[in-house]
């Protein structure tokens, strides 16, 4: 769903809104006005460094989750031995 930046000509408020062609016209959240300018939106660029850092963070979270699971399983076994 496209995210657009808008400027309200009535009150001057700038805001972001999701807007699809089939949706009703966007209204200003500040004054409910419909006299809006759609502003040029920026875009995100992902660099190889950011992608690699995100992958490292993801692997670290997965390792920690696996470690927590192993600890919980070991505690369960200890509590239920001989039952």
C-alpha atoms as a PDB file:
ATOM      1  CA  UNK A   1       0.000   0.000   0.000  1.00  0.00           C
ATOM      2  CA  UNK A   2       1.544   3.339  -1.006  1.00  0.00           C
ATOM      3  CA  UNK A   3       2.524   5.775   1.725  1.00  0.00           C
ATOM      4  CA  UNK A   4       2.409   9.422   0.698  1.00  0.00           C
ATOM      5  CA  UNK A   5       3.387  12.708   2.330  1.00  0.00           C
ATOM      6  CA  UNK A   6       0.735  15.432   2.292  1.00  0.00           C
ATOM      7  CA  UNK A   7       0.577  19.154   3.076  1.00  0.00           C
ATOM      8  CA  UNK A   8      -2.783  20.642   4.062  1.00  0.00           C
ATOM      9  CA  UNK A   9      -3.432  23.999   2.387  1.00  0.00           C
ATOM     10  CA  UNK A  10      -6.044  24.857   5.024  1.00  0.00           C
ATOM     11  CA  UNK A  11      -4.038  24.501   8.251  1.00  0.00           C
ATOM     12  CA  UNK A  12      -0.482  23.852   7.002  1.00  0.00           C
ATOM     13  CA  UNK A  13      -0.209  20.445   8.695  1.00  0.00           C
ATOM     14  CA  UNK A  14       2.155  17.934   7.041  1.00  0.00           C
ATOM     15  CA  UNK A  15       1.458  14.240   7.484  1.00  0.00           C
ATOM     16  CA  UNK A  16       1.845  10.773   5.982  1.00  0.00           C
ATOM     17  CA  UNK A  17      -1.082   8.684   4.843  1.00  0.00           C
ATOM     18  CA  UNK A  18      -1.677   5.379   3.105  1.00  0.00           C
ATOM     19  CA  UNK A  19      -3.577   6.099  -0.084  1.00  0.00           C
ATOM     20  CA  UNK A  20      -4.837   3.687  -2.714  1.00  0.00           C
ATOM     21  CA  UNK A  21      -6.806   4.679  -5.791  1.00  0.00           C
ATOM     22  CA  UNK A  22      -9.924   2.838  -4.586  1.00  0.00           C
ATOM     23  CA  UNK A  23      -9.874   4.494  -1.120  1.00  0.00           C
ATOM     24  CA  UNK A  24     -11.873   7.632  -0.290  1.00  0.00           C
ATOM     25  CA  UNK A  25      -9.937  10.915  -0.546  1.00  0.00           C
ATOM     26  CA  UNK A  26      -7.401  11.521   2.216  1.00  0.00           C
ATOM     27  CA  UNK A  27      -8.388  14.083   4.853  1.00  0.00           C
ATOM     28  CA  UNK A  28      -6.065  16.135   7.042  1.00  0.00           C
ATOM     29  CA  UNK A  29      -5.933  14.566  10.538  1.00  0.00           C
ATOM     30  CA  UNK A  30      -5.603  18.042  12.051  1.00  0.00           C
ATOM     31  CA  UNK A  31      -8.526  19.925  10.456  1.00  0.00           C
ATOM     32  CA  UNK A  32     -10.291  17.248   8.328  1.00  0.00           C
ATOM     33  CA  UNK A  33      -9.658  19.384   5.251  1.00  0.00           C
ATOM     34  CA  UNK A  34      -9.379  17.877   1.782  1.00  0.00           C
ATOM     35  CA  UNK A  35      -7.401  20.706   0.115  1.00  0.00           C
ATOM     36  CA  UNK A  36      -4.101  18.818   0.117  1.00  0.00           C
ATOM     37  CA  UNK A  37      -0.855  18.833  -1.816  1.00  0.00           C
ATOM     38  CA  UNK A  38       0.861  15.484  -2.216  1.00  0.00           C
ATOM     39  CA  UNK A  39       4.545  16.007  -1.468  1.00  0.00           C
ATOM     40  CA  UNK A  40       7.412  14.083  -3.027  1.00  0.00           C
ATOM     41  CA  UNK A  41       8.133  11.115  -0.765  1.00  0.00           C
ATOM     42  CA  UNK A  42      11.597   9.917   0.123  1.00  0.00           C
ATOM     43  CA  UNK A  43      12.641   6.339  -0.314  1.00  0.00           C
ATOM     44  CA  UNK A  44      14.796   3.971   1.681  1.00  0.00           C
ATOM     45  CA  UNK A  45      18.071   2.623   0.396  1.00  0.00           C
ATOM     46  CA  UNK A  46      19.573  -0.471   1.927  1.00  0.00           C
ATOM     47  CA  UNK A  47      23.313  -0.787   1.809  1.00  0.00           C
ATOM     48  CA  UNK A  48      25.244  -4.026   1.936  1.00  0.00           C
ATOM     49  CA  UNK A  49      26.572  -2.963   5.346  1.00  0.00           C
ATOM     50  CA  UNK A  50      23.059  -2.442   6.747  1.00  0.00           C
ATOM     51  CA  UNK A  51      21.896  -5.725   5.268  1.00  0.00           C
ATOM     52  CA  UNK A  52      24.850  -7.591   6.776  1.00  0.00           C
ATOM     53  CA  UNK A  53      24.272  -5.952  10.176  1.00  0.00           C
ATOM     54  CA  UNK A  54      20.595  -6.926  10.095  1.00  0.00           C
ATOM     55  CA  UNK A  55      21.543 -10.513   9.224  1.00  0.00           C
ATOM     56  CA  UNK A  56      24.037 -10.625  12.119  1.00  0.00           C
ATOM     57  CA  UNK A  57      21.406  -9.289  14.518  1.00  0.00           C
ATOM     58  CA  UNK A  58      18.911 -11.864  13.292  1.00  0.00           C
ATOM     59  CA  UNK A  59      21.386 -14.727  13.754  1.00  0.00           C
ATOM     60  CA  UNK A  60      22.245 -13.477  17.250  1.00  0.00           C
ATOM     61  CA  UNK A  61      18.560 -13.346  18.240  1.00  0.00           C
ATOM     62  CA  UNK A  62      18.078 -16.871  16.894  1.00  0.00           C
ATOM     63  CA  UNK A  63      21.087 -18.186  18.840  1.00  0.00           C
ATOM     64  CA  UNK A  64      19.760 -16.616  22.048  1.00  0.00           C
ATOM     65  CA  UNK A  65      16.299 -18.083  21.440  1.00  0.00           C
ATOM     66  CA  UNK A  66      17.824 -21.527  20.848  1.00  0.00           C
ATOM     67  CA  UNK A  67      19.931 -21.196  24.002  1.00  0.00           C
ATOM     68  CA  UNK A  68      16.853 -20.230  26.046  1.00  0.00           C
ATOM     69  CA  UNK A  69      14.977 -23.219  24.635  1.00  0.00           C
ATOM     70  CA  UNK A  70      17.805 -25.616  25.543  1.00  0.00           C
ATOM     71  CA  UNK A  71      17.979 -24.216  29.084  1.00  0.00           C
ATOM     72  CA  UNK A  72      14.216 -24.590  29.514  1.00  0.00           C
ATOM     73  CA  UNK A  73      14.311 -28.175  28.220  1.00  0.00           C
ATOM     74  CA  UNK A  74      17.150 -29.052  30.606  1.00  0.00           C
ATOM     75  CA  UNK A  75      15.296 -27.538  33.564  1.00  0.00           C
ATOM     76  CA  UNK A  76      12.180 -29.500  32.606  1.00  0.00           C
ATOM     77  CA  UNK A  77      14.152 -32.763  32.439  1.00  0.00           C
ATOM     78  CA  UNK A  78      15.738 -32.116  35.846  1.00  0.00           C
ATOM     79  CA  UNK A  79      12.353 -31.418  37.434  1.00  0.00           C
ATOM     80  CA  UNK A  80      10.756 -34.517  35.947  1.00  0.00           C
ATOM     81  CA  UNK A  81      13.544 -37.102  36.376  1.00  0.00           C
ATOM     82  CA  UNK A  82      12.394 -40.195  38.229  1.00  0.00           C
ATOM     83  CA  UNK A  83       8.683 -39.368  38.023  1.00  0.00           C
END
